[in-house]
Amino acid sequence: MIDILYFAWMRERIGLPKEQVETGAATVADLIDELIAREERYAVAFADLRAIRVAVDQVLVGFDAPIAKAREVAFFPPMTGG
């Protein structure tokens, strides 16, 4: 099992702040593909990957990052600030 966290508009589109999933995904991209295949709300949330950042066990990574031993994957929009 892996914890998946959603922040900001990702959370709003998916309707959950967090969930646990059983996955056979090798990478973040594979996990996204599995989620999109589950329900339309995931397809909507992940429609533009350029607008999404991802962290695996609280470390920013790319979509090709492995998740085999990960405990947590977090998805969120890019941060802006001032």
PDB file of N, CA and C in Angstrom:
ATOM      1  N   MET A   1       0.843  -1.188   0.000  1.00  0.00           N
ATOM      2  CA  MET A   1       0.000   0.000   0.000  1.00  0.00           C
ATOM      3  C   MET A   1       0.884   1.246   0.000  1.00  0.00           C
ATOM      4  N   ILE A   2       0.370   2.240  -0.705  1.00  0.00           N
ATOM      5  CA  ILE A   2       1.078   3.515  -0.777  1.00  0.00           C
ATOM      6  C   ILE A   2       0.077   4.633  -0.501  1.00  0.00           C
ATOM      7  N   ASP A   3       0.502   5.630   0.266  1.00  0.00           N
ATOM      8  CA  ASP A   3      -0.343   6.796   0.518  1.00  0.00           C
ATOM      9  C   ASP A   3      -0.177   7.771  -0.637  1.00  0.00           C
ATOM     10  N   ILE A   4      -1.295   8.275  -1.135  1.00  0.00           N
ATOM     11  CA  ILE A   4      -1.258   9.298  -2.172  1.00  0.00           C
ATOM     12  C   ILE A   4      -1.952  10.535  -1.608  1.00  0.00           C
ATOM     13  N   LEU A   5      -1.252  11.663  -1.682  1.00  0.00           N
ATOM     14  CA  LEU A   5      -1.760  12.927  -1.169  1.00  0.00           C
ATOM     15  C   LEU A   5      -2.028  13.868  -2.333  1.00  0.00           C
ATOM     16  N   TYR A   6      -3.128  14.615  -2.241  1.00  0.00           N
ATOM     17  CA  TYR A   6      -3.497  15.593  -3.269  1.00  0.00           C
ATOM     18  C   TYR A   6      -3.653  16.950  -2.608  1.00  0.00           C
ATOM     19  N   PHE A   7      -3.103  17.986  -3.244  1.00  0.00           N
ATOM     20  CA  PHE A   7      -3.159  19.326  -2.686  1.00  0.00           C
ATOM     21  C   PHE A   7      -3.783  20.309  -3.666  1.00  0.00           C
ATOM     22  N   ALA A   8      -4.330  21.394  -3.105  1.00  0.00           N
ATOM     23  CA  ALA A   8      -4.902  22.517  -3.859  1.00  0.00           C
ATOM     24  C   ALA A   8      -5.978  22.014  -4.829  1.00  0.00           C
ATOM     25  N   TRP A   9      -5.926  22.451  -6.085  1.00  0.00           N
ATOM     26  CA  TRP A   9      -6.979  22.079  -7.035  1.00  0.00           C
ATOM     27  C   TRP A   9      -6.971  20.598  -7.378  1.00  0.00           C
ATOM     28  N   MET A  10      -5.850  19.925  -7.162  1.00  0.00           N
ATOM     29  CA  MET A  10      -5.830  18.462  -7.368  1.00  0.00           C
ATOM     30  C   MET A  10      -6.827  17.813  -6.401  1.00  0.00           C
ATOM     31  N   ARG A  11      -6.784  18.230  -5.157  1.00  0.00           N
ATOM     32  CA  ARG A  11      -7.691  17.707  -4.131  1.00  0.00           C
ATOM     33  C   ARG A  11      -9.142  17.993  -4.506  1.00  0.00           C
ATOM     34  N   GLU A  12      -9.395  19.201  -5.002  1.00  0.00           N
ATOM     35  CA  GLU A  12     -10.762  19.576  -5.374  1.00  0.00           C
ATOM     36  C   GLU A  12     -11.280  18.726  -6.535  1.00  0.00           C
ATOM     37  N   ARG A  13     -10.452  18.496  -7.533  1.00  0.00           N
ATOM     38  CA  ARG A  13     -10.895  17.739  -8.706  1.00  0.00           C
ATOM     39  C   ARG A  13     -11.086  16.257  -8.403  1.00  0.00           C
ATOM     40  N   ILE A  14     -10.240  15.714  -7.552  1.00  0.00           N
ATOM     41  CA  ILE A  14     -10.346  14.291  -7.224  1.00  0.00           C
ATOM     42  C   ILE A  14     -11.358  14.059  -6.105  1.00  0.00           C
ATOM     43  N   GLY A  15     -11.517  15.045  -5.240  1.00  0.00           N
ATOM     44  CA  GLY A  15     -12.496  14.936  -4.177  1.00  0.00           C
ATOM     45  C   GLY A  15     -11.970  14.269  -2.919  1.00  0.00           C
ATOM     46  N   LEU A  16     -10.657  14.088  -2.853  1.00  0.00           N
ATOM     47  CA  LEU A  16     -10.032  13.463  -1.692  1.00  0.00           C
ATOM     48  C   LEU A  16      -8.727  14.180  -1.357  1.00  0.00           C
ATOM     49  N   PRO A  17      -8.429  14.330  -0.066  1.00  0.00           N
ATOM     50  CA  PRO A  17      -7.120  14.877   0.280  1.00  0.00           C
ATOM     51  C   PRO A  17      -6.028  13.794   0.285  1.00  0.00           C
ATOM     52  N   LYS A  18      -6.472  12.544   0.505  1.00  0.00           N
ATOM     53  CA  LYS A  18      -5.509  11.448   0.675  1.00  0.00           C
ATOM     54  C   LYS A  18      -6.221  10.129   0.435  1.00  0.00           C
ATOM     55  N   GLU A  19      -5.488   9.168  -0.077  1.00  0.00           N
ATOM     56  CA  GLU A  19      -6.020   7.810  -0.193  1.00  0.00           C
ATOM     57  C   GLU A  19      -4.861   6.816  -0.159  1.00  0.00           C
ATOM     58  N   GLN A  20      -5.179   5.592   0.171  1.00  0.00           N
ATOM     59  CA  GLN A  20      -4.206   4.506   0.111  1.00  0.00           C
ATOM     60  C   GLN A  20      -4.584   3.616  -1.055  1.00  0.00           C
ATOM     61  N   VAL A  21      -3.584   3.271  -1.862  1.00  0.00           N
ATOM     62  CA  VAL A  21      -3.854   2.400  -2.996  1.00  0.00           C
ATOM     63  C   VAL A  21      -2.852   1.260  -3.042  1.00  0.00           C
ATOM     64  N   GLU A  22      -3.322   0.179  -3.563  1.00  0.00           N
ATOM     65  CA  GLU A  22      -2.467  -0.969  -3.873  1.00  0.00           C
ATOM     66  C   GLU A  22      -2.063  -0.774  -5.321  1.00  0.00           C
ATOM     67  N   THR A  23      -0.776  -0.784  -5.597  1.00  0.00           N
ATOM     68  CA  THR A  23      -0.328  -0.508  -6.956  1.00  0.00           C
ATOM     69  C   THR A  23       0.824  -1.415  -7.358  1.00  0.00           C
ATOM     70  N   GLY A  24       0.887  -1.687  -8.634  1.00  0.00           N
ATOM     71  CA  GLY A  24       2.011  -2.416  -9.198  1.00  0.00           C
ATOM     72  C   GLY A  24       2.884  -1.487 -10.019  1.00  0.00           C
ATOM     73  N   ALA A  25       2.622  -0.191  -9.921  1.00  0.00           N
ATOM     74  CA  ALA A  25       3.338   0.812 -10.709  1.00  0.00           C
ATOM     75  C   ALA A  25       4.820   0.844 -10.346  1.00  0.00           C
ATOM     76  N   ALA A  26       5.643   0.996 -11.362  1.00  0.00           N
ATOM     77  CA  ALA A  26       7.091   1.090 -11.150  1.00  0.00           C
ATOM     78  C   ALA A  26       7.542   2.541 -11.007  1.00  0.00           C
ATOM     79  N   THR A  27       6.832   3.454 -11.664  1.00  0.00           N
ATOM     80  CA  THR A  27       7.211   4.867 -11.641  1.00  0.00           C
ATOM     81  C   THR A  27       5.990   5.734 -11.324  1.00  0.00           C
ATOM     82  N   VAL A  28       6.254   7.014 -11.072  1.00  0.00           N
ATOM     83  CA  VAL A  28       5.167   7.958 -10.860  1.00  0.00           C
ATOM     84  C   VAL A  28       4.249   7.982 -12.079  1.00  0.00           C
ATOM     85  N   ALA A  29       4.827   7.990 -13.274  1.00  0.00           N
ATOM     86  CA  ALA A  29       4.015   8.011 -14.499  1.00  0.00           C
ATOM     87  C   ALA A  29       3.108   6.786 -14.583  1.00  0.00           C
ATOM     88  N   ASP A  30       3.621   5.627 -14.205  1.00  0.00           N
ATOM     89  CA  ASP A  30       2.802   4.412 -14.204  1.00  0.00           C
ATOM     90  C   ASP A  30       1.651   4.537 -13.203  1.00  0.00           C
ATOM     91  N   LEU A  31       1.936   5.118 -12.051  1.00  0.00           N
ATOM     92  CA  LEU A  31       0.899   5.323 -11.037  1.00  0.00           C
ATOM     93  C   LEU A  31      -0.193   6.247 -11.572  1.00  0.00           C
ATOM     94  N   ILE A  32       0.213   7.325 -12.220  1.00  0.00           N
ATOM     95  CA  ILE A  32      -0.759   8.247 -12.809  1.00  0.00           C
ATOM     96  C   ILE A  32      -1.627   7.513 -13.826  1.00  0.00           C
ATOM     97  N   ASP A  33      -1.016   6.690 -14.669  1.00  0.00           N
ATOM     98  CA  ASP A  33      -1.787   5.919 -15.652  1.00  0.00           C
ATOM     99  C   ASP A  33      -2.810   5.015 -14.968  1.00  0.00           C
ATOM    100  N   GLU A  34      -2.409   4.371 -13.871  1.00  0.00           N
ATOM    101  CA  GLU A  34      -3.342   3.514 -13.123  1.00  0.00           C
ATOM    102  C   GLU A  34      -4.506   4.330 -12.563  1.00  0.00           C
ATOM    103  N   LEU A  35      -4.192   5.497 -12.001  1.00  0.00           N
ATOM    104  CA  LEU A  35      -5.238   6.335 -11.426  1.00  0.00           C
ATOM    105  C   LEU A  35      -6.210   6.822 -12.497  1.00  0.00           C
ATOM    106  N   ILE A  36      -5.672   7.270 -13.631  1.00  0.00           N
ATOM    107  CA  ILE A  36      -6.520   7.751 -14.729  1.00  0.00           C
ATOM    108  C   ILE A  36      -7.460   6.649 -15.207  1.00  0.00           C
ATOM    109  N   ALA A  37      -6.990   5.423 -15.203  1.00  0.00           N
ATOM    110  CA  ALA A  37      -7.815   4.299 -15.654  1.00  0.00           C
ATOM    111  C   ALA A  37      -8.947   3.984 -14.666  1.00  0.00           C
ATOM    112  N   ARG A  38      -8.839   4.445 -13.436  1.00  0.00           N
ATOM    113  CA  ARG A  38      -9.848   4.154 -12.415  1.00  0.00           C
ATOM    114  C   ARG A  38     -11.155   4.888 -12.643  1.00  0.00           C
ATOM    115  N   GLU A  39     -11.059   6.226 -12.791  1.00  0.00           N
ATOM    116  CA  GLU A  39     -12.265   7.050 -12.878  1.00  0.00           C
ATOM    117  C   GLU A  39     -11.971   8.329 -13.644  1.00  0.00           C
ATOM    118  N   GLU A  40     -13.014   8.919 -14.178  1.00  0.00           N
ATOM    119  CA  GLU A  40     -12.901  10.159 -14.955  1.00  0.00           C
ATOM    120  C   GLU A  40     -12.303  11.308 -14.145  1.00  0.00           C
ATOM    121  N   ARG A  41     -12.618  11.385 -12.855  1.00  0.00           N
ATOM    122  CA  ARG A  41     -12.112  12.506 -12.051  1.00  0.00           C
ATOM    123  C   ARG A  41     -10.586  12.534 -12.012  1.00  0.00           C
ATOM    124  N   TYR A  42      -9.952  11.373 -12.074  1.00  0.00           N
ATOM    125  CA  TYR A  42      -8.490  11.332 -12.112  1.00  0.00           C
ATOM    126  C   TYR A  42      -7.980  11.816 -13.467  1.00  0.00           C
ATOM    127  N   ALA A  43      -8.671  11.431 -14.534  1.00  0.00           N
ATOM    128  CA  ALA A  43      -8.293  11.893 -15.869  1.00  0.00           C
ATOM    129  C   ALA A  43      -8.363  13.416 -15.945  1.00  0.00           C
ATOM    130  N   VAL A  44      -9.375  13.996 -15.343  1.00  0.00           N
ATOM    131  CA  VAL A  44      -9.515  15.453 -15.324  1.00  0.00           C
ATOM    132  C   VAL A  44      -8.371  16.080 -14.525  1.00  0.00           C
ATOM    133  N   ALA A  45      -8.086  15.536 -13.362  1.00  0.00           N
ATOM    134  CA  ALA A  45      -7.046  16.097 -12.497  1.00  0.00           C
ATOM    135  C   ALA A  45      -5.652  15.998 -13.119  1.00  0.00           C
ATOM    136  N   PHE A  46      -5.389  14.932 -13.846  1.00  0.00           N
ATOM    137  CA  PHE A  46      -4.060  14.718 -14.422  1.00  0.00           C
ATOM    138  C   PHE A  46      -3.997  15.072 -15.915  1.00  0.00           C
ATOM    139  N   ALA A  47      -4.955  15.845 -16.404  1.00  0.00           N
ATOM    140  CA  ALA A  47      -5.025  16.165 -17.828  1.00  0.00           C
ATOM    141  C   ALA A  47      -3.814  16.946 -18.337  1.00  0.00           C
ATOM    142  N   ASP A  48      -3.249  17.821 -17.514  1.00  0.00           N
ATOM    143  CA  ASP A  48      -2.103  18.635 -17.930  1.00  0.00           C
ATOM    144  C   ASP A  48      -0.960  18.431 -16.944  1.00  0.00           C
ATOM    145  N   LEU A  49      -0.082  17.496 -17.238  1.00  0.00           N
ATOM    146  CA  LEU A  49       1.008  17.176 -16.321  1.00  0.00           C
ATOM    147  C   LEU A  49       1.997  18.328 -16.155  1.00  0.00           C
ATOM    148  N   ARG A  50       2.002  19.270 -17.087  1.00  0.00           N
ATOM    149  CA  ARG A  50       2.881  20.435 -16.938  1.00  0.00           C
ATOM    150  C   ARG A  50       2.466  21.297 -15.757  1.00  0.00           C
ATOM    151  N   ALA A  51       1.236  21.153 -15.308  1.00  0.00           N
ATOM    152  CA  ALA A  51       0.704  21.951 -14.203  1.00  0.00           C
ATOM    153  C   ALA A  51       0.768  21.206 -12.878  1.00  0.00           C
ATOM    154  N   ILE A  52       1.505  20.099 -12.838  1.00  0.00           N
ATOM    155  CA  ILE A  52       1.558  19.268 -11.635  1.00  0.00           C
ATOM    156  C   ILE A  52       3.005  19.009 -11.244  1.00  0.00           C
ATOM    157  N   ARG A  53       3.255  19.065  -9.952  1.00  0.00           N
ATOM    158  CA  ARG A  53       4.543  18.656  -9.394  1.00  0.00           C
ATOM    159  C   ARG A  53       4.282  17.418  -8.538  1.00  0.00           C
ATOM    160  N   VAL A  54       5.348  16.652  -8.313  1.00  0.00           N
ATOM    161  CA  VAL A  54       5.190  15.424  -7.541  1.00  0.00           C
ATOM    162  C   VAL A  54       6.363  15.267  -6.583  1.00  0.00           C
ATOM    163  N   ALA A  55       6.056  14.733  -5.415  1.00  0.00           N
ATOM    164  CA  ALA A  55       7.083  14.413  -4.428  1.00  0.00           C
ATOM    165  C   ALA A  55       6.888  12.962  -4.002  1.00  0.00           C
ATOM    166  N   VAL A  56       7.987  12.247  -3.910  1.00  0.00           N
ATOM    167  CA  VAL A  56       7.969  10.874  -3.410  1.00  0.00           C
ATOM    168  C   VAL A  56       8.700  10.885  -2.081  1.00  0.00           C
ATOM    169  N   ASP A  57       8.013  10.466  -1.045  1.00  0.00           N
ATOM    170  CA  ASP A  57       8.548  10.519   0.314  1.00  0.00           C
ATOM    171  C   ASP A  57       9.149  11.885   0.620  1.00  0.00           C
ATOM    172  N   GLN A  58       8.423  12.931   0.243  1.00  0.00           N
ATOM    173  CA  GLN A  58       8.702  14.334   0.527  1.00  0.00           C
ATOM    174  C   GLN A  58       9.932  14.886  -0.183  1.00  0.00           C
ATOM    175  N   VAL A  59      10.314  14.253  -1.294  1.00  0.00           N
ATOM    176  CA  VAL A  59      11.411  14.737  -2.133  1.00  0.00           C
ATOM    177  C   VAL A  59      10.850  14.992  -3.531  1.00  0.00           C
ATOM    178  N   LEU A  60      11.038  16.211  -4.034  1.00  0.00           N
ATOM    179  CA  LEU A  60      10.560  16.522  -5.384  1.00  0.00           C
ATOM    180  C   LEU A  60      11.265  15.643  -6.404  1.00  0.00           C
ATOM    181  N   VAL A  61      10.475  15.063  -7.311  1.00  0.00           N
ATOM    182  CA  VAL A  61      11.012  14.146  -8.322  1.00  0.00           C
ATOM    183  C   VAL A  61      10.300  14.388  -9.648  1.00  0.00           C
ATOM    184  N   GLY A  62      10.793  13.741 -10.682  1.00  0.00           N
ATOM    185  CA  GLY A  62      10.145  13.767 -11.983  1.00  0.00           C
ATOM    186  C   GLY A  62       9.168  12.610 -12.103  1.00  0.00           C
ATOM    187  N   PHE A  63       8.417  12.614 -13.190  1.00  0.00           N
ATOM    188  CA  PHE A  63       7.416  11.576 -13.400  1.00  0.00           C
ATOM    189  C   PHE A  63       8.038  10.205 -13.691  1.00  0.00           C
ATOM    190  N   ASP A  64       9.322  10.180 -14.009  1.00  0.00           N
ATOM    191  CA  ASP A  64      10.002   8.906 -14.267  1.00  0.00           C
ATOM    192  C   ASP A  64      10.620   8.307 -13.009  1.00  0.00           C
ATOM    193  N   ALA A  65      10.400   8.935 -11.861  1.00  0.00           N
ATOM    194  CA  ALA A  65      10.982   8.451 -10.600  1.00  0.00           C
ATOM    195  C   ALA A  65      10.366   7.121 -10.184  1.00  0.00           C
ATOM    196  N   PRO A  66      11.198   6.209  -9.682  1.00  0.00           N
ATOM    197  CA  PRO A  66      10.677   4.925  -9.207  1.00  0.00           C
ATOM    198  C   PRO A  66       9.895   5.093  -7.905  1.00  0.00           C
ATOM    199  N   ILE A  67       8.896   4.243  -7.718  1.00  0.00           N
ATOM    200  CA  ILE A  67       8.100   4.308  -6.483  1.00  0.00           C
ATOM    201  C   ILE A  67       8.020   2.959  -5.775  1.00  0.00           C
ATOM    202  N   ALA A  68       8.834   2.013  -6.183  1.00  0.00           N
ATOM    203  CA  ALA A  68       8.737   0.655  -5.643  1.00  0.00           C
ATOM    204  C   ALA A  68       8.808   0.605  -4.121  1.00  0.00           C
ATOM    205  N   LYS A  69       9.664   1.401  -3.512  1.00  0.00           N
ATOM    206  CA  LYS A  69       9.819   1.360  -2.050  1.00  0.00           C
ATOM    207  C   LYS A  69       9.241   2.590  -1.365  1.00  0.00           C
ATOM    208  N   ALA A  70       8.500   3.385  -2.107  1.00  0.00           N
ATOM    209  CA  ALA A  70       7.945   4.621  -1.561  1.00  0.00           C
ATOM    210  C   ALA A  70       6.808   4.337  -0.589  1.00  0.00           C
ATOM    211  N   ARG A  71       6.677   5.200   0.402  1.00  0.00           N
ATOM    212  CA  ARG A  71       5.558   5.139   1.339  1.00  0.00           C
ATOM    213  C   ARG A  71       4.488   6.161   0.974  1.00  0.00           C
ATOM    214  N   GLU A  72       4.933   7.262   0.288  1.00  0.00           N
ATOM    215  CA  GLU A  72       4.015   8.361   0.031  1.00  0.00           C
ATOM    216  C   GLU A  72       4.349   9.038  -1.296  1.00  0.00           C
ATOM    217  N   VAL A  73       3.302   9.363  -2.054  1.00  0.00           N
ATOM    218  CA  VAL A  73       3.434  10.155  -3.274  1.00  0.00           C
ATOM    219  C   VAL A  73       2.457  11.316  -3.138  1.00  0.00           C
ATOM    220  N   ALA A  74       2.972  12.541  -3.349  1.00  0.00           N
ATOM    221  CA  ALA A  74       2.128  13.735  -3.224  1.00  0.00           C
ATOM    222  C   ALA A  74       2.077  14.463  -4.558  1.00  0.00           C
ATOM    223  N   PHE A  75       0.889  14.888  -4.929  1.00  0.00           N
ATOM    224  CA  PHE A  75       0.690  15.648  -6.159  1.00  0.00           C
ATOM    225  C   PHE A  75       0.173  17.043  -5.804  1.00  0.00           C
ATOM    226  N   PHE A  76       0.737  18.071  -6.469  1.00  0.00           N
ATOM    227  CA  PHE A  76       0.349  19.442  -6.175  1.00  0.00           C
ATOM    228  C   PHE A  76       0.724  20.352  -7.341  1.00  0.00           C
ATOM    229  N   PRO A  77       0.047  21.503  -7.449  1.00  0.00           N
ATOM    230  CA  PRO A  77       0.412  22.449  -8.493  1.00  0.00           C
ATOM    231  C   PRO A  77       1.726  23.135  -8.122  1.00  0.00           C
ATOM    232  N   PRO A  78       2.415  23.715  -9.092  1.00  0.00           N
ATOM    233  CA  PRO A  78       3.655  24.433  -8.788  1.00  0.00           C
ATOM    234  C   PRO A  78       3.382  25.546  -7.778  1.00  0.00           C
ATOM    235  N   MET A  79       4.315  25.767  -6.918  1.00  0.00           N
ATOM    236  CA  MET A  79       4.159  26.799  -5.900  1.00  0.00           C
ATOM    237  C   MET A  79       4.639  28.137  -6.452  1.00  0.00           C
ATOM    238  N   THR A  80       3.898  29.158  -6.141  1.00  0.00           N
ATOM    239  CA  THR A  80       4.329  30.507  -6.453  1.00  0.00           C
ATOM    240  C   THR A  80       4.264  31.287  -5.155  1.00  0.00           C
ATOM    241  N   GLY A  81       4.977  32.307  -5.084  1.00  0.00           N
ATOM    242  CA  GLY A  81       4.933  33.049  -3.824  1.00  0.00           C
ATOM    243  C   GLY A  81       5.584  34.394  -3.948  1.00  0.00           C
ATOM    244  N   GLY A  82       5.599  35.044  -2.836  1.00  0.00           N
ATOM    245  CA  GLY A  82       6.188  36.363  -2.812  1.00  0.00           C
ATOM    246  C   GLY A  82       6.434  36.771  -1.403  1.00  0.00           C
TER     247      GLY A  82
END
